[in-house]
Amino acid sequence: MTVGQLEQAMPHRELRDWRLFEVLHQPLPDRLADIHNSLLCSLMVNLTRSADAAAVRPDDFFVIREPTPRADDDGVSEVDRQRLAWRGG
């Protein structure tokens, strides 16, 4: 489905339920794949790094990152900011 189709088809309650499922049970497939890949990447880098290089951590390789507060926070969520950018707004 496209983002527009999801916006039309998925009610707020269902989105909230998916978030609760992930928090209470296990990561959803996209986050789980990100965790597994970041573990593999950090393992490979740490196995091949030189003795004087600093070790890397799995979170250095996450593609999906938790939102961090911005210094120039204007009250617009990152999702809304991206939605505006995608739609040329």
PDB file of N, CA and C in Angstrom:
ATOM      1  N   MET A   1       0.835  -1.191   0.000  1.00  0.00           N
ATOM      2  CA  MET A   1       0.000   0.000   0.000  1.00  0.00           C
ATOM      3  C   MET A   1       0.875   1.248   0.000  1.00  0.00           C
ATOM      4  N   THR A   2       0.368   2.279  -0.591  1.00  0.00           N
ATOM      5  CA  THR A   2       1.071   3.554  -0.549  1.00  0.00           C
ATOM      6  C   THR A   2       0.765   4.260   0.771  1.00  0.00           C
ATOM      7  N   VAL A   3       1.523   5.307   1.064  1.00  0.00           N
ATOM      8  CA  VAL A   3       1.283   6.084   2.280  1.00  0.00           C
ATOM      9  C   VAL A   3      -0.119   6.679   2.258  1.00  0.00           C
ATOM     10  N   GLY A   4      -0.523   7.188   1.114  1.00  0.00           N
ATOM     11  CA  GLY A   4      -1.862   7.761   0.990  1.00  0.00           C
ATOM     12  C   GLY A   4      -2.960   6.737   1.254  1.00  0.00           C
ATOM     13  N   GLN A   5      -2.782   5.519   0.736  1.00  0.00           N
ATOM     14  CA  GLN A   5      -3.766   4.467   0.979  1.00  0.00           C
ATOM     15  C   GLN A   5      -3.814   4.097   2.463  1.00  0.00           C
ATOM     16  N   LEU A   6      -2.643   4.019   3.094  1.00  0.00           N
ATOM     17  CA  LEU A   6      -2.613   3.719   4.530  1.00  0.00           C
ATOM     18  C   LEU A   6      -3.299   4.815   5.334  1.00  0.00           C
ATOM     19  N   GLU A   7      -3.060   6.060   4.960  1.00  0.00           N
ATOM     20  CA  GLU A   7      -3.709   7.177   5.671  1.00  0.00           C
ATOM     21  C   GLU A   7      -5.219   7.086   5.557  1.00  0.00           C
ATOM     22  N   GLN A   8      -5.705   6.648   4.394  1.00  0.00           N
ATOM     23  CA  GLN A   8      -7.144   6.536   4.182  1.00  0.00           C
ATOM     24  C   GLN A   8      -7.735   5.303   4.874  1.00  0.00           C
ATOM     25  N   ALA A   9      -6.984   4.189   4.864  1.00  0.00           N
ATOM     26  CA  ALA A   9      -7.540   2.914   5.307  1.00  0.00           C
ATOM     27  C   ALA A   9      -7.330   2.609   6.790  1.00  0.00           C
ATOM     28  N   MET A  10      -6.222   3.084   7.382  1.00  0.00           N
ATOM     29  CA  MET A  10      -5.917   2.698   8.750  1.00  0.00           C
ATOM     30  C   MET A  10      -6.385   3.763   9.737  1.00  0.00           C
ATOM     31  N   PRO A  11      -7.331   3.407  10.583  1.00  0.00           N
ATOM     32  CA  PRO A  11      -7.774   4.373  11.593  1.00  0.00           C
ATOM     33  C   PRO A  11      -6.704   4.551  12.677  1.00  0.00           C
ATOM     34  N   HIS A  12      -6.799   5.648  13.379  1.00  0.00           N
ATOM     35  CA  HIS A  12      -5.849   5.975  14.441  1.00  0.00           C
ATOM     36  C   HIS A  12      -5.776   4.862  15.479  1.00  0.00           C
ATOM     37  N   ARG A  13      -6.905   4.273  15.791  1.00  0.00           N
ATOM     38  CA  ARG A  13      -6.952   3.217  16.803  1.00  0.00           C
ATOM     39  C   ARG A  13      -6.102   2.018  16.402  1.00  0.00           C
ATOM     40  N   GLU A  14      -6.148   1.626  15.123  1.00  0.00           N
ATOM     41  CA  GLU A  14      -5.353   0.486  14.667  1.00  0.00           C
ATOM     42  C   GLU A  14      -3.863   0.797  14.753  1.00  0.00           C
ATOM     43  N   LEU A  15      -3.474   2.004  14.366  1.00  0.00           N
ATOM     44  CA  LEU A  15      -2.071   2.408  14.474  1.00  0.00           C
ATOM     45  C   LEU A  15      -1.617   2.355  15.928  1.00  0.00           C
ATOM     46  N   ARG A  16      -2.461   2.848  16.826  1.00  0.00           N
ATOM     47  CA  ARG A  16      -2.138   2.804  18.255  1.00  0.00           C
ATOM     48  C   ARG A  16      -2.009   1.357  18.732  1.00  0.00           C
ATOM     49  N   ASP A  17      -2.884   0.483  18.276  1.00  0.00           N
ATOM     50  CA  ASP A  17      -2.829  -0.927  18.662  1.00  0.00           C
ATOM     51  C   ASP A  17      -1.546  -1.600  18.184  1.00  0.00           C
ATOM     52  N   TRP A  18      -1.071  -1.255  16.972  1.00  0.00           N
ATOM     53  CA  TRP A  18       0.188  -1.814  16.483  1.00  0.00           C
ATOM     54  C   TRP A  18       1.352  -1.337  17.341  1.00  0.00           C
ATOM     55  N   ARG A  19       1.326  -0.071  17.726  1.00  0.00           N
ATOM     56  CA  ARG A  19       2.393   0.443  18.595  1.00  0.00           C
ATOM     57  C   ARG A  19       2.385  -0.280  19.936  1.00  0.00           C
ATOM     58  N   LEU A  20       1.207  -0.491  20.515  1.00  0.00           N
ATOM     59  CA  LEU A  20       1.101  -1.215  21.787  1.00  0.00           C
ATOM     60  C   LEU A  20       1.590  -2.652  21.635  1.00  0.00           C
ATOM     61  N   PHE A  21       1.245  -3.292  20.539  1.00  0.00           N
ATOM     62  CA  PHE A  21       1.700  -4.662  20.293  1.00  0.00           C
ATOM     63  C   PHE A  21       3.220  -4.718  20.298  1.00  0.00           C
ATOM     64  N   GLU A  22       3.846  -3.761  19.614  1.00  0.00           N
ATOM     65  CA  GLU A  22       5.307  -3.751  19.539  1.00  0.00           C
ATOM     66  C   GLU A  22       5.930  -3.510  20.907  1.00  0.00           C
ATOM     67  N   VAL A  23       5.355  -2.622  21.680  1.00  0.00           N
ATOM     68  CA  VAL A  23       5.895  -2.318  23.007  1.00  0.00           C
ATOM     69  C   VAL A  23       5.716  -3.500  23.956  1.00  0.00           C
ATOM     70  N   LEU A  24       4.554  -4.137  23.916  1.00  0.00           N
ATOM     71  CA  LEU A  24       4.244  -5.191  24.889  1.00  0.00           C
ATOM     72  C   LEU A  24       4.737  -6.579  24.486  1.00  0.00           C
ATOM     73  N   HIS A  25       4.946  -6.824  23.203  1.00  0.00           N
ATOM     74  CA  HIS A  25       5.265  -8.184  22.773  1.00  0.00           C
ATOM     75  C   HIS A  25       6.659  -8.296  22.171  1.00  0.00           C
ATOM     76  N   GLN A  26       6.831  -7.831  20.987  1.00  0.00           N
ATOM     77  CA  GLN A  26       8.106  -7.959  20.297  1.00  0.00           C
ATOM     78  C   GLN A  26       8.182  -6.920  19.189  1.00  0.00           C
ATOM     79  N   PRO A  27       9.397  -6.653  18.714  1.00  0.00           N
ATOM     80  CA  PRO A  27       9.509  -5.686  17.618  1.00  0.00           C
ATOM     81  C   PRO A  27       8.799  -6.189  16.367  1.00  0.00           C
ATOM     82  N   LEU A  28       8.250  -5.251  15.628  1.00  0.00           N
ATOM     83  CA  LEU A  28       7.652  -5.591  14.340  1.00  0.00           C
ATOM     84  C   LEU A  28       8.768  -5.949  13.361  1.00  0.00           C
ATOM     85  N   PRO A  29       8.452  -6.613  12.256  1.00  0.00           N
ATOM     86  CA  PRO A  29       9.501  -7.119  11.360  1.00  0.00           C
ATOM     87  C   PRO A  29      10.513  -6.086  10.889  1.00  0.00           C
ATOM     88  N   ASP A  30      10.096  -4.854  10.617  1.00  0.00           N
ATOM     89  CA  ASP A  30      11.064  -3.864  10.147  1.00  0.00           C
ATOM     90  C   ASP A  30      12.092  -3.543  11.223  1.00  0.00           C
ATOM     91  N   ARG A  31      11.668  -3.378  12.452  1.00  0.00           N
ATOM     92  CA  ARG A  31      12.591  -3.072  13.541  1.00  0.00           C
ATOM     93  C   ARG A  31      13.444  -4.291  13.895  1.00  0.00           C
ATOM     94  N   LEU A  32      12.860  -5.475  13.839  1.00  0.00           N
ATOM     95  CA  LEU A  32      13.602  -6.699  14.134  1.00  0.00           C
ATOM     96  C   LEU A  32      14.718  -6.909  13.105  1.00  0.00           C
ATOM     97  N   ALA A  33      14.429  -6.694  11.840  1.00  0.00           N
ATOM     98  CA  ALA A  33      15.447  -6.808  10.794  1.00  0.00           C
ATOM     99  C   ALA A  33      16.541  -5.768  11.010  1.00  0.00           C
ATOM    100  N   ASP A  34      16.164  -4.565  11.419  1.00  0.00           N
ATOM    101  CA  ASP A  34      17.144  -3.519  11.688  1.00  0.00           C
ATOM    102  C   ASP A  34      18.063  -3.915  12.840  1.00  0.00           C
ATOM    103  N   ILE A  35      17.509  -4.502  13.880  1.00  0.00           N
ATOM    104  CA  ILE A  35      18.300  -4.953  15.026  1.00  0.00           C
ATOM    105  C   ILE A  35      19.277  -6.049  14.601  1.00  0.00           C
ATOM    106  N   HIS A  36      18.773  -7.031  13.864  1.00  0.00           N
ATOM    107  CA  HIS A  36      19.637  -8.128  13.424  1.00  0.00           C
ATOM    108  C   HIS A  36      20.758  -7.639  12.518  1.00  0.00           C
ATOM    109  N   ASN A  37      20.425  -6.787  11.568  1.00  0.00           N
ATOM    110  CA  ASN A  37      21.450  -6.270  10.650  1.00  0.00           C
ATOM    111  C   ASN A  37      22.481  -5.422  11.382  1.00  0.00           C
ATOM    112  N   SER A  38      22.052  -4.618  12.335  1.00  0.00           N
ATOM    113  CA  SER A  38      23.015  -3.781  13.055  1.00  0.00           C
ATOM    114  C   SER A  38      23.943  -4.637  13.914  1.00  0.00           C
ATOM    115  N   LEU A  39      23.422  -5.730  14.478  1.00  0.00           N
ATOM    116  CA  LEU A  39      24.283  -6.647  15.237  1.00  0.00           C
ATOM    117  C   LEU A  39      25.333  -7.282  14.332  1.00  0.00           C
ATOM    118  N   LEU A  40      24.910  -7.733  13.143  1.00  0.00           N
ATOM    119  CA  LEU A  40      25.860  -8.333  12.204  1.00  0.00           C
ATOM    120  C   LEU A  40      26.910  -7.330  11.730  1.00  0.00           C
ATOM    121  N   CYS A  41      26.470  -6.122  11.408  1.00  0.00           N
ATOM    122  CA  CYS A  41      27.416  -5.099  10.942  1.00  0.00           C
ATOM    123  C   CYS A  41      28.439  -4.751  12.017  1.00  0.00           C
ATOM    124  N   SER A  42      27.981  -4.574  13.244  1.00  0.00           N
ATOM    125  CA  SER A  42      28.926  -4.229  14.316  1.00  0.00           C
ATOM    126  C   SER A  42      29.878  -5.387  14.579  1.00  0.00           C
ATOM    127  N   LEU A  43      29.409  -6.605  14.489  1.00  0.00           N
ATOM    128  CA  LEU A  43      30.276  -7.763  14.670  1.00  0.00           C
ATOM    129  C   LEU A  43      31.365  -7.806  13.605  1.00  0.00           C
ATOM    130  N   MET A  44      30.972  -7.611  12.354  1.00  0.00           N
ATOM    131  CA  MET A  44      31.952  -7.642  11.256  1.00  0.00           C
ATOM    132  C   MET A  44      32.993  -6.534  11.390  1.00  0.00           C
ATOM    133  N   VAL A  45      32.539  -5.339  11.726  1.00  0.00           N
ATOM    134  CA  VAL A  45      33.483  -4.222  11.872  1.00  0.00           C
ATOM    135  C   VAL A  45      34.429  -4.475  13.037  1.00  0.00           C
ATOM    136  N   ASN A  46      33.896  -4.941  14.152  1.00  0.00           N
ATOM    137  CA  ASN A  46      34.744  -5.171  15.317  1.00  0.00           C
ATOM    138  C   ASN A  46      35.721  -6.318  15.104  1.00  0.00           C
ATOM    139  N   LEU A  47      35.358  -7.306  14.309  1.00  0.00           N
ATOM    140  CA  LEU A  47      36.284  -8.401  14.014  1.00  0.00           C
ATOM    141  C   LEU A  47      37.432  -7.967  13.124  1.00  0.00           C
ATOM    142  N   THR A  48      37.185  -6.987  12.255  1.00  0.00           N
ATOM    143  CA  THR A  48      38.202  -6.584  11.282  1.00  0.00           C
ATOM    144  C   THR A  48      38.901  -5.276  11.623  1.00  0.00           C
ATOM    145  N   ARG A  49      38.547  -4.641  12.722  1.00  0.00           N
ATOM    146  CA  ARG A  49      39.163  -3.356  13.047  1.00  0.00           C
ATOM    147  C   ARG A  49      40.565  -3.565  13.603  1.00  0.00           C
ATOM    148  N   SER A  50      41.373  -2.530  13.515  1.00  0.00           N
ATOM    149  CA  SER A  50      42.724  -2.597  14.070  1.00  0.00           C
ATOM    150  C   SER A  50      42.661  -2.492  15.596  1.00  0.00           C
ATOM    151  N   ALA A  51      43.748  -2.863  16.239  1.00  0.00           N
ATOM    152  CA  ALA A  51      43.782  -2.901  17.703  1.00  0.00           C
ATOM    153  C   ALA A  51      43.613  -1.512  18.321  1.00  0.00           C
ATOM    154  N   ASP A  52      44.039  -0.486  17.624  1.00  0.00           N
ATOM    155  CA  ASP A  52      43.947   0.867  18.195  1.00  0.00           C
ATOM    156  C   ASP A  52      42.647   1.594  17.826  1.00  0.00           C
ATOM    157  N   ALA A  53      41.818   0.987  16.998  1.00  0.00           N
ATOM    158  CA  ALA A  53      40.542   1.609  16.615  1.00  0.00           C
ATOM    159  C   ALA A  53      39.493   1.351  17.691  1.00  0.00           C
ATOM    160  N   ALA A  54      38.615   2.296  17.857  1.00  0.00           N
ATOM    161  CA  ALA A  54      37.541   2.154  18.846  1.00  0.00           C
ATOM    162  C   ALA A  54      36.502   1.148  18.356  1.00  0.00           C
ATOM    163  N   ALA A  55      35.965   0.400  19.287  1.00  0.00           N
ATOM    164  CA  ALA A  55      34.919  -0.567  18.949  1.00  0.00           C
ATOM    165  C   ALA A  55      33.636   0.173  18.582  1.00  0.00           C
ATOM    166  N   VAL A  56      32.886  -0.411  17.681  1.00  0.00           N
ATOM    167  CA  VAL A  56      31.592   0.161  17.305  1.00  0.00           C
ATOM    168  C   VAL A  56      30.505  -0.586  18.045  1.00  0.00           C
ATOM    169  N   ARG A  57      29.347   0.043  18.127  1.00  0.00           N
ATOM    170  CA  ARG A  57      28.199  -0.550  18.802  1.00  0.00           C
ATOM    171  C   ARG A  57      27.105  -0.825  17.778  1.00  0.00           C
ATOM    172  N   PRO A  58      26.221  -1.769  18.054  1.00  0.00           N
ATOM    173  CA  PRO A  58      25.139  -2.039  17.100  1.00  0.00           C
ATOM    174  C   PRO A  58      24.294  -0.805  16.782  1.00  0.00           C
ATOM    175  N   ASP A  59      24.085   0.066  17.764  1.00  0.00           N
ATOM    176  CA  ASP A  59      23.241   1.233  17.485  1.00  0.00           C
ATOM    177  C   ASP A  59      23.901   2.221  16.528  1.00  0.00           C
ATOM    178  N   ASP A  60      25.196   2.038  16.233  1.00  0.00           N
ATOM    179  CA  ASP A  60      25.834   2.860  15.205  1.00  0.00           C
ATOM    180  C   ASP A  60      25.314   2.517  13.812  1.00  0.00           C
ATOM    181  N   PHE A  61      24.687   1.364  13.668  1.00  0.00           N
ATOM    182  CA  PHE A  61      24.248   0.883  12.359  1.00  0.00           C
ATOM    183  C   PHE A  61      22.733   0.841  12.192  1.00  0.00           C
ATOM    184  N   PHE A  62      21.989   1.298  13.167  1.00  0.00           N
ATOM    185  CA  PHE A  62      20.535   1.291  13.033  1.00  0.00           C
ATOM    186  C   PHE A  62      20.098   2.183  11.874  1.00  0.00           C
ATOM    187  N   VAL A  63      19.177   1.684  11.099  1.00  0.00           N
ATOM    188  CA  VAL A  63      18.560   2.489  10.051  1.00  0.00           C
ATOM    189  C   VAL A  63      17.340   3.192  10.632  1.00  0.00           C
ATOM    190  N   ILE A  64      16.582   2.468  11.432  1.00  0.00           N
ATOM    191  CA  ILE A  64      15.400   3.027  12.083  1.00  0.00           C
ATOM    192  C   ILE A  64      15.857   3.565  13.435  1.00  0.00           C
ATOM    193  N   ARG A  65      15.768   4.858  13.603  1.00  0.00           N
ATOM    194  CA  ARG A  65      16.224   5.480  14.845  1.00  0.00           C
ATOM    195  C   ARG A  65      15.052   6.106  15.577  1.00  0.00           C
ATOM    196  N   GLU A  66      15.166   6.114  16.887  1.00  0.00           N
ATOM    197  CA  GLU A  66      14.150   6.779  17.684  1.00  0.00           C
ATOM    198  C   GLU A  66      14.280   8.285  17.477  1.00  0.00           C
ATOM    199  N   PRO A  67      13.161   8.990  17.430  1.00  0.00           N
ATOM    200  CA  PRO A  67      13.246  10.440  17.231  1.00  0.00           C
ATOM    201  C   PRO A  67      13.944  11.122  18.401  1.00  0.00           C
ATOM    202  N   THR A  68      14.752  12.101  18.079  1.00  0.00           N
ATOM    203  CA  THR A  68      15.420  12.893  19.110  1.00  0.00           C
ATOM    204  C   THR A  68      14.907  14.324  19.026  1.00  0.00           C
ATOM    205  N   PRO A  69      14.807  15.006  20.152  1.00  0.00           N
ATOM    206  CA  PRO A  69      14.335  16.389  20.119  1.00  0.00           C
ATOM    207  C   PRO A  69      15.291  17.263  19.313  1.00  0.00           C
ATOM    208  N   ARG A  70      14.728  18.170  18.568  1.00  0.00           N
ATOM    209  CA  ARG A  70      15.533  19.081  17.754  1.00  0.00           C
ATOM    210  C   ARG A  70      15.679  20.410  18.471  1.00  0.00           C
ATOM    211  N   ALA A  71      16.823  21.037  18.270  1.00  0.00           N
ATOM    212  CA  ALA A  71      17.068  22.337  18.894  1.00  0.00           C
ATOM    213  C   ALA A  71      16.102  23.389  18.364  1.00  0.00           C
ATOM    214  N   ASP A  72      15.739  23.276  17.098  1.00  0.00           N
ATOM    215  CA  ASP A  72      14.832  24.255  16.482  1.00  0.00           C
ATOM    216  C   ASP A  72      13.407  23.713  16.426  1.00  0.00           C
ATOM    217  N   ASP A  73      12.981  23.027  17.487  1.00  0.00           N
ATOM    218  CA  ASP A  73      11.662  22.404  17.522  1.00  0.00           C
ATOM    219  C   ASP A  73      10.572  23.458  17.344  1.00  0.00           C
ATOM    220  N   ASP A  74       9.785  23.301  16.300  1.00  0.00           N
ATOM    221  CA  ASP A  74       8.712  24.247  16.001  1.00  0.00           C
ATOM    222  C   ASP A  74       7.341  23.660  16.330  1.00  0.00           C
ATOM    223  N   GLY A  75       7.330  22.519  17.031  1.00  0.00           N
ATOM    224  CA  GLY A  75       6.071  21.900  17.400  1.00  0.00           C
ATOM    225  C   GLY A  75       5.502  20.981  16.340  1.00  0.00           C
ATOM    226  N   VAL A  76       6.170  20.875  15.191  1.00  0.00           N
ATOM    227  CA  VAL A  76       5.718  20.000  14.119  1.00  0.00           C
ATOM    228  C   VAL A  76       6.448  18.666  14.270  1.00  0.00           C
ATOM    229  N   SER A  77       5.694  17.564  14.265  1.00  0.00           N
ATOM    230  CA  SER A  77       6.326  16.248  14.406  1.00  0.00           C
ATOM    231  C   SER A  77       7.159  15.942  13.167  1.00  0.00           C
ATOM    232  N   GLU A  78       8.106  15.038  13.332  1.00  0.00           N
ATOM    233  CA  GLU A  78       8.951  14.650  12.202  1.00  0.00           C
ATOM    234  C   GLU A  78       8.124  14.006  11.094  1.00  0.00           C
ATOM    235  N   VAL A  79       7.106  13.254  11.465  1.00  0.00           N
ATOM    236  CA  VAL A  79       6.228  12.641  10.463  1.00  0.00           C
ATOM    237  C   VAL A  79       5.541  13.722   9.641  1.00  0.00           C
ATOM    238  N   ASP A  80       4.991  14.741  10.310  1.00  0.00           N
ATOM    239  CA  ASP A  80       4.325  15.820   9.587  1.00  0.00           C
ATOM    240  C   ASP A  80       5.325  16.613   8.749  1.00  0.00           C
ATOM    241  N   ARG A  81       6.527  16.801   9.256  1.00  0.00           N
ATOM    242  CA  ARG A  81       7.556  17.529   8.509  1.00  0.00           C
ATOM    243  C   ARG A  81       7.901  16.773   7.220  1.00  0.00           C
ATOM    244  N   GLN A  82       8.055  15.445   7.313  1.00  0.00           N
ATOM    245  CA  GLN A  82       8.356  14.647   6.126  1.00  0.00           C
ATOM    246  C   GLN A  82       7.161  14.618   5.164  1.00  0.00           C
ATOM    247  N   ARG A  83       5.975  14.532   5.720  1.00  0.00           N
ATOM    248  CA  ARG A  83       4.775  14.520   4.871  1.00  0.00           C
ATOM    249  C   ARG A  83       4.700  15.822   4.062  1.00  0.00           C
ATOM    250  N   LEU A  84       4.984  16.939   4.713  1.00  0.00           N
ATOM    251  CA  LEU A  84       4.997  18.225   3.996  1.00  0.00           C
ATOM    252  C   LEU A  84       6.066  18.248   2.912  1.00  0.00           C
ATOM    253  N   ALA A  85       7.242  17.712   3.238  1.00  0.00           N
ATOM    254  CA  ALA A  85       8.337  17.692   2.259  1.00  0.00           C
ATOM    255  C   ALA A  85       7.988  16.815   1.054  1.00  0.00           C
ATOM    256  N   TRP A  86       7.369  15.647   1.292  1.00  0.00           N
ATOM    257  CA  TRP A  86       7.017  14.740   0.204  1.00  0.00           C
ATOM    258  C   TRP A  86       5.954  15.338  -0.701  1.00  0.00           C
ATOM    259  N   ARG A  87       5.083  16.118  -0.104  1.00  0.00           N
ATOM    260  CA  ARG A  87       3.968  16.690  -0.891  1.00  0.00           C
ATOM    261  C   ARG A  87       4.280  18.090  -1.398  1.00  0.00           C
ATOM    262  N   GLY A  88       5.516  18.508  -1.235  1.00  0.00           N
ATOM    263  CA  GLY A  88       5.928  19.794  -1.757  1.00  0.00           C
ATOM    264  C   GLY A  88       5.415  20.977  -0.964  1.00  0.00           C
ATOM    265  N   GLY A  89       5.115  20.769   0.326  1.00  0.00           N
ATOM    266  CA  GLY A  89       4.539  21.850   1.142  1.00  0.00           C
ATOM    267  C   GLY A  89       5.481  22.595   1.975  1.00  0.00           C
TER     268      GLY A  89
END
